[in-house]
Structures are given as structure tokens and as C-alpha cells.
């Protein structure tokens, strides 16, 4: 990227302060901070608002961590967002997402996923095709995770599709090494 400053040390003062604040907030949760946010920090207010939503969904949302990570990995794989895949696969393992589920998402062989991942995947198939989530899937999701969980699945699908666009648009690549 030649037009955007991707170095937190050379960003304008307001963006540097926001970077330190967001990085500290993530570090307090045991997580690193960077990647697409380095591009977003070229627009600090937008970065702040996106981070607020992302932080809420990741740490304070209604969905179990395994389901959250399953959604992130599924959207990352479907959109070719290699940065998000690499960034989240270790978190998915740490959250307890079964290795077989991670492998199925990685390979695209998702026909025999166990519940509740089959349900989440069926919803994601609709949202990633910009289609209505059918009533039967909505009912199942509300039964499984409540109305908030259903809404979060749809929002997470869009949120990580947005990150795929940011990563691809600004050439955000994963660090070299195993995923």
C-alpha cells in the first residue's frame, strides 16, 4: 500500500493515541491488534467505530465463542480473506472449536458438520449469497441462541465480509508461517 500509512509509529497523533488505546484493550483480553485496523487508522473515527462493534461481537456478544469463531472462519474461507483465517484459526482452537470442524471449513467439505455448526453454516450460506434467511432457520437459531444470537450471526457475516473487502482492497496479508 503506497497511499496509506500502515505504521502505527508514523500515523498522526490522534491515530497513534487511538492505536495505543485499542491495542491495550485487545491485549487485556489476551489478543494482538493490527492487520486491517492499520489501514483503518488512516480514518481514526471510522476505525474507532468499527473496533467498537468488533470488540462487542467478539467479547460481549450472545453467541458462544466456538460459534463466533466458526462464523469468522467460514466467512474468511468463503471470501478468500487469508488474513482473517490466519488471525482466527488459533483463536478458534483455543476457544474449543473441534479440529474436525476447522478442517471441514478449511477444505470446504462442510456437508457433515455437527450441530450447532450445521445450523450456523446454513444461515451463512444465505447471508453470504445476500438471500433471506428462511423462517425455519430463523426459528431454529432463535431456539438455539435467542433472537440476539440470530441477529449476531447475520451481522457477523456482514462484518467479516466487510473485513474481507478491507483486507483485499488494501492488500492486508497474513504473516508468513503456518495457519
C-alpha atoms as a PDB file:
ATOM      1  CA  UNK A   1       0.000   0.000   0.000  1.00  0.00           C
ATOM      2  CA  UNK A   2       1.597   3.224  -1.042  1.00  0.00           C
ATOM      3  CA  UNK A   3      -1.201   5.654  -0.177  1.00  0.00           C
ATOM      4  CA  UNK A   4      -1.979   4.580   3.377  1.00  0.00           C
ATOM      5  CA  UNK A   5       0.311   4.806   6.367  1.00  0.00           C
ATOM      6  CA  UNK A   6       0.400   1.314   7.867  1.00  0.00           C
ATOM      7  CA  UNK A   7       2.967   2.077  10.567  1.00  0.00           C
ATOM      8  CA  UNK A   8       1.429   2.980  13.937  1.00  0.00           C
ATOM      9  CA  UNK A   9       4.565   4.974  14.818  1.00  0.00           C
ATOM     10  CA  UNK A  10       4.192   7.371  11.880  1.00  0.00           C
ATOM     11  CA  UNK A  11       0.433   7.893  11.931  1.00  0.00           C
ATOM     12  CA  UNK A  12      -0.875  11.310  13.025  1.00  0.00           C
ATOM     13  CA  UNK A  13      -1.033  11.829  16.813  1.00  0.00           C
ATOM     14  CA  UNK A  14      -4.796  11.163  17.107  1.00  0.00           C
ATOM     15  CA  UNK A  15      -4.450   7.879  15.212  1.00  0.00           C
ATOM     16  CA  UNK A  16      -1.420   6.867  17.311  1.00  0.00           C
ATOM     17  CA  UNK A  17      -3.383   7.514  20.516  1.00  0.00           C
ATOM     18  CA  UNK A  18      -6.320   5.502  19.218  1.00  0.00           C
ATOM     19  CA  UNK A  19      -3.979   2.675  18.171  1.00  0.00           C
ATOM     20  CA  UNK A  20      -2.472   2.527  21.680  1.00  0.00           C
ATOM     21  CA  UNK A  21      -5.946   2.534  23.267  1.00  0.00           C
ATOM     22  CA  UNK A  22      -7.323  -0.199  21.006  1.00  0.00           C
ATOM     23  CA  UNK A  23      -4.148  -2.310  21.240  1.00  0.00           C
ATOM     24  CA  UNK A  24      -4.217  -2.099  25.060  1.00  0.00           C
ATOM     25  CA  UNK A  25      -7.897  -3.056  25.135  1.00  0.00           C
ATOM     26  CA  UNK A  26      -7.214  -6.109  22.977  1.00  0.00           C
ATOM     27  CA  UNK A  27      -4.075  -7.003  24.934  1.00  0.00           C
ATOM     28  CA  UNK A  28      -6.137  -7.003  28.149  1.00  0.00           C
ATOM     29  CA  UNK A  29      -8.195  -9.769  26.510  1.00  0.00           C
ATOM     30  CA  UNK A  30      -5.020 -11.642  25.507  1.00  0.00           C
ATOM     31  CA  UNK A  31      -5.188 -10.679  21.856  1.00  0.00           C
ATOM     32  CA  UNK A  32      -2.932  -8.866  19.416  1.00  0.00           C
ATOM     33  CA  UNK A  33      -4.085  -5.876  17.400  1.00  0.00           C
ATOM     34  CA  UNK A  34      -3.211  -4.791  13.885  1.00  0.00           C
ATOM     35  CA  UNK A  35      -3.880  -6.068  10.391  1.00  0.00           C
ATOM     36  CA  UNK A  36      -6.786  -4.276   8.726  1.00  0.00           C
ATOM     37  CA  UNK A  37      -7.012  -1.808  11.590  1.00  0.00           C
ATOM     38  CA  UNK A  38      -3.688  -0.330  10.491  1.00  0.00           C
ATOM     39  CA  UNK A  39      -5.360   0.688   7.235  1.00  0.00           C
ATOM     40  CA  UNK A  40      -8.479   1.869   9.047  1.00  0.00           C
ATOM     41  CA  UNK A  41      -6.426   4.080  11.375  1.00  0.00           C
ATOM     42  CA  UNK A  42      -5.938   6.373   8.395  1.00  0.00           C
ATOM     43  CA  UNK A  43      -9.554   7.303   9.209  1.00  0.00           C
ATOM     44  CA  UNK A  44      -9.476   7.255  13.046  1.00  0.00           C
ATOM     45  CA  UNK A  45     -13.165   7.832  13.728  1.00  0.00           C
ATOM     46  CA  UNK A  46     -14.184   5.063  11.353  1.00  0.00           C
ATOM     47  CA  UNK A  47     -11.566   2.754  12.904  1.00  0.00           C
ATOM     48  CA  UNK A  48     -12.905   3.536  16.387  1.00  0.00           C
ATOM     49  CA  UNK A  49     -16.491   2.774  15.433  1.00  0.00           C
ATOM     50  CA  UNK A  50     -15.634  -0.448  13.612  1.00  0.00           C
ATOM     51  CA  UNK A  51     -13.483  -1.588  16.540  1.00  0.00           C
ATOM     52  CA  UNK A  52     -16.318  -0.879  18.992  1.00  0.00           C
ATOM     53  CA  UNK A  53     -18.641  -3.158  17.049  1.00  0.00           C
ATOM     54  CA  UNK A  54     -15.972  -5.821  16.534  1.00  0.00           C
ATOM     55  CA  UNK A  55     -14.976  -5.791  20.196  1.00  0.00           C
ATOM     56  CA  UNK A  56     -18.603  -6.113  21.290  1.00  0.00           C
ATOM     57  CA  UNK A  57     -19.314  -9.001  18.929  1.00  0.00           C
ATOM     58  CA  UNK A  58     -16.122 -10.830  19.852  1.00  0.00           C
ATOM     59  CA  UNK A  59     -16.093 -10.372  23.617  1.00  0.00           C
ATOM     60  CA  UNK A  60     -19.600  -9.377  24.731  1.00  0.00           C
ATOM     61  CA  UNK A  61     -21.902 -10.966  22.167  1.00  0.00           C
ATOM     62  CA  UNK A  62     -24.608 -13.548  22.767  1.00  0.00           C
ATOM     63  CA  UNK A  63     -23.022 -16.341  20.744  1.00  0.00           C
ATOM     64  CA  UNK A  64     -20.709 -18.939  22.259  1.00  0.00           C
ATOM     65  CA  UNK A  65     -17.038 -18.380  21.343  1.00  0.00           C
ATOM     66  CA  UNK A  66     -16.920 -21.574  19.311  1.00  0.00           C
ATOM     67  CA  UNK A  67     -19.840 -20.456  17.150  1.00  0.00           C
ATOM     68  CA  UNK A  68     -18.381 -16.963  16.797  1.00  0.00           C
ATOM     69  CA  UNK A  69     -15.051 -18.404  15.630  1.00  0.00           C
ATOM     70  CA  UNK A  70     -16.810 -20.861  13.317  1.00  0.00           C
ATOM     71  CA  UNK A  71     -18.595 -17.933  11.647  1.00  0.00           C
ATOM     72  CA  UNK A  72     -15.382 -15.938  11.261  1.00  0.00           C
ATOM     73  CA  UNK A  73     -13.532 -18.894   9.732  1.00  0.00           C
ATOM     74  CA  UNK A  74     -16.426 -19.758   7.430  1.00  0.00           C
ATOM     75  CA  UNK A  75     -16.705 -16.210   6.088  1.00  0.00           C
ATOM     76  CA  UNK A  76     -12.914 -15.912   5.825  1.00  0.00           C
ATOM     77  CA  UNK A  77     -12.668 -19.112   3.800  1.00  0.00           C
ATOM     78  CA  UNK A  78     -15.653 -18.227   1.580  1.00  0.00           C
ATOM     79  CA  UNK A  79     -14.287 -14.761   0.787  1.00  0.00           C
ATOM     80  CA  UNK A  80     -10.627 -15.726   0.454  1.00  0.00           C
ATOM     81  CA  UNK A  81      -9.723 -13.481   3.394  1.00  0.00           C
ATOM     82  CA  UNK A  82      -6.452 -15.197   4.265  1.00  0.00           C
ATOM     83  CA  UNK A  83      -5.537 -12.632   6.918  1.00  0.00           C
ATOM     84  CA  UNK A  84      -8.761 -13.300   8.853  1.00  0.00           C
ATOM     85  CA  UNK A  85      -8.323 -17.055   8.503  1.00  0.00           C
ATOM     86  CA  UNK A  86      -4.787 -16.997   9.851  1.00  0.00           C
ATOM     87  CA  UNK A  87      -5.668 -14.473  12.544  1.00  0.00           C
ATOM     88  CA  UNK A  88      -8.615 -16.519  13.827  1.00  0.00           C
ATOM     89  CA  UNK A  89      -7.694 -20.187  13.387  1.00  0.00           C
ATOM     90  CA  UNK A  90      -5.584 -20.254  16.582  1.00  0.00           C
ATOM     91  CA  UNK A  91      -8.360 -18.413  18.448  1.00  0.00           C
ATOM     92  CA  UNK A  92     -10.851 -20.983  17.186  1.00  0.00           C
ATOM     93  CA  UNK A  93      -8.700 -23.822  18.502  1.00  0.00           C
ATOM     94  CA  UNK A  94      -8.229 -22.043  21.833  1.00  0.00           C
ATOM     95  CA  UNK A  95     -11.992 -21.496  22.100  1.00  0.00           C
ATOM     96  CA  UNK A  96     -12.537 -25.226  21.712  1.00  0.00           C
ATOM     97  CA  UNK A  97     -13.822 -25.365  18.145  1.00  0.00           C
ATOM     98  CA  UNK A  98     -13.255 -29.022  17.223  1.00  0.00           C
ATOM     99  CA  UNK A  99     -10.324 -29.684  14.889  1.00  0.00           C
ATOM    100  CA  UNK A 100     -12.615 -31.643  12.573  1.00  0.00           C
ATOM    101  CA  UNK A 101     -14.880 -28.610  12.189  1.00  0.00           C
ATOM    102  CA  UNK A 102     -11.909 -26.341  11.446  1.00  0.00           C
ATOM    103  CA  UNK A 103     -10.602 -28.866   8.904  1.00  0.00           C
ATOM    104  CA  UNK A 104     -14.037 -29.127   7.279  1.00  0.00           C
ATOM    105  CA  UNK A 105     -14.252 -25.347   6.869  1.00  0.00           C
ATOM    106  CA  UNK A 106     -10.667 -25.227   5.561  1.00  0.00           C
ATOM    107  CA  UNK A 107     -11.353 -27.894   2.955  1.00  0.00           C
ATOM    108  CA  UNK A 108     -14.860 -26.745   2.073  1.00  0.00           C
ATOM    109  CA  UNK A 109     -16.295 -30.148   2.988  1.00  0.00           C
ATOM    110  CA  UNK A 110     -18.998 -28.846   5.293  1.00  0.00           C
ATOM    111  CA  UNK A 111     -21.822 -31.269   4.491  1.00  0.00           C
ATOM    112  CA  UNK A 112     -21.389 -33.384   7.615  1.00  0.00           C
ATOM    113  CA  UNK A 113     -20.800 -30.701  10.237  1.00  0.00           C
ATOM    114  CA  UNK A 114     -22.140 -31.465  13.709  1.00  0.00           C
ATOM    115  CA  UNK A 115     -24.744 -29.249  15.338  1.00  0.00           C
ATOM    116  CA  UNK A 116     -24.808 -26.361  16.049  1.00  0.00           C
ATOM    117  CA  UNK A 117     -22.367 -25.663  13.204  1.00  0.00           C
ATOM    118  CA  UNK A 118     -24.687 -27.137  10.577  1.00  0.00           C
ATOM    119  CA  UNK A 119     -27.305 -24.582  11.573  1.00  0.00           C
ATOM    120  CA  UNK A 120     -24.865 -21.665  11.597  1.00  0.00           C
ATOM    121  CA  UNK A 121     -23.481 -22.782   8.230  1.00  0.00           C
ATOM    122  CA  UNK A 122     -26.970 -22.979   6.696  1.00  0.00           C
ATOM    123  CA  UNK A 123     -27.623 -19.395   7.790  1.00  0.00           C
ATOM    124  CA  UNK A 124     -24.248 -18.241   6.457  1.00  0.00           C
ATOM    125  CA  UNK A 125     -24.967 -19.861   3.112  1.00  0.00           C
ATOM    126  CA  UNK A 126     -27.929 -17.500   2.820  1.00  0.00           C
ATOM    127  CA  UNK A 127     -26.268 -14.352   4.161  1.00  0.00           C
ATOM    128  CA  UNK A 128     -23.156 -14.734   2.008  1.00  0.00           C
ATOM    129  CA  UNK A 129     -25.386 -15.046  -1.052  1.00  0.00           C
ATOM    130  CA  UNK A 130     -27.355 -11.948   0.055  1.00  0.00           C
ATOM    131  CA  UNK A 131     -30.513 -14.018   0.432  1.00  0.00           C
ATOM    132  CA  UNK A 132     -33.265 -14.014   3.022  1.00  0.00           C
ATOM    133  CA  UNK A 133     -32.690 -16.397   5.921  1.00  0.00           C
ATOM    134  CA  UNK A 134     -35.749 -18.687   5.739  1.00  0.00           C
ATOM    135  CA  UNK A 135     -38.187 -18.761   8.644  1.00  0.00           C
ATOM    136  CA  UNK A 136     -37.323 -22.342   9.589  1.00  0.00           C
ATOM    137  CA  UNK A 137     -33.634 -21.445  10.018  1.00  0.00           C
ATOM    138  CA  UNK A 138     -34.564 -18.315  11.959  1.00  0.00           C
ATOM    139  CA  UNK A 139     -36.767 -20.355  14.299  1.00  0.00           C
ATOM    140  CA  UNK A 140     -34.012 -22.931  14.840  1.00  0.00           C
ATOM    141  CA  UNK A 141     -31.452 -20.200  15.522  1.00  0.00           C
ATOM    142  CA  UNK A 142     -33.722 -18.391  17.985  1.00  0.00           C
ATOM    143  CA  UNK A 143     -34.338 -21.704  19.757  1.00  0.00           C
ATOM    144  CA  UNK A 144     -30.567 -22.366  19.876  1.00  0.00           C
ATOM    145  CA  UNK A 145     -29.171 -18.869  20.642  1.00  0.00           C
ATOM    146  CA  UNK A 146     -32.107 -16.493  21.155  1.00  0.00           C
ATOM    147  CA  UNK A 147     -33.064 -13.537  18.977  1.00  0.00           C
ATOM    148  CA  UNK A 148     -29.815 -11.759  19.804  1.00  0.00           C
ATOM    149  CA  UNK A 149     -27.829 -14.760  18.620  1.00  0.00           C
ATOM    150  CA  UNK A 150     -29.710 -14.876  15.320  1.00  0.00           C
ATOM    151  CA  UNK A 151     -29.113 -11.179  14.730  1.00  0.00           C
ATOM    152  CA  UNK A 152     -25.435 -11.559  15.619  1.00  0.00           C
ATOM    153  CA  UNK A 153     -24.947 -14.389  13.104  1.00  0.00           C
ATOM    154  CA  UNK A 154     -26.244 -12.197  10.296  1.00  0.00           C
ATOM    155  CA  UNK A 155     -24.260  -9.160  11.491  1.00  0.00           C
ATOM    156  CA  UNK A 156     -21.058 -11.199  11.874  1.00  0.00           C
ATOM    157  CA  UNK A 157     -21.469 -12.483   8.341  1.00  0.00           C
ATOM    158  CA  UNK A 158     -21.600  -8.920   7.043  1.00  0.00           C
ATOM    159  CA  UNK A 159     -18.916  -7.668   9.423  1.00  0.00           C
ATOM    160  CA  UNK A 160     -16.371 -10.219   8.249  1.00  0.00           C
ATOM    161  CA  UNK A 161     -17.386  -9.762   4.626  1.00  0.00           C
ATOM    162  CA  UNK A 162     -16.536  -6.087   5.200  1.00  0.00           C
ATOM    163  CA  UNK A 163     -13.156  -7.121   6.616  1.00  0.00           C
ATOM    164  CA  UNK A 164     -12.565  -9.314   3.569  1.00  0.00           C
ATOM    165  CA  UNK A 165     -13.095  -6.229   1.404  1.00  0.00           C
ATOM    166  CA  UNK A 166     -10.735  -4.170   3.597  1.00  0.00           C
ATOM    167  CA  UNK A 167      -8.076  -6.875   3.538  1.00  0.00           C
ATOM    168  CA  UNK A 168      -8.315  -7.389  -0.201  1.00  0.00           C
ATOM    169  CA  UNK A 169      -8.710  -3.701  -1.052  1.00  0.00           C
ATOM    170  CA  UNK A 170      -5.646  -2.680   0.953  1.00  0.00           C
ATOM    171  CA  UNK A 171      -3.619  -5.850   0.380  1.00  0.00           C
ATOM    172  CA  UNK A 172      -3.542  -6.880   4.042  1.00  0.00           C
ATOM    173  CA  UNK A 173      -1.734 -10.193   4.077  1.00  0.00           C
ATOM    174  CA  UNK A 174      -1.135 -12.718   6.811  1.00  0.00           C
ATOM    175  CA  UNK A 175       2.318 -13.003   8.291  1.00  0.00           C
ATOM    176  CA  UNK A 176       4.374 -15.782   6.704  1.00  0.00           C
ATOM    177  CA  UNK A 177       4.097 -19.079   8.516  1.00  0.00           C
ATOM    178  CA  UNK A 178       1.669 -21.890   9.188  1.00  0.00           C
ATOM    179  CA  UNK A 179      -2.047 -21.168   9.550  1.00  0.00           C
END
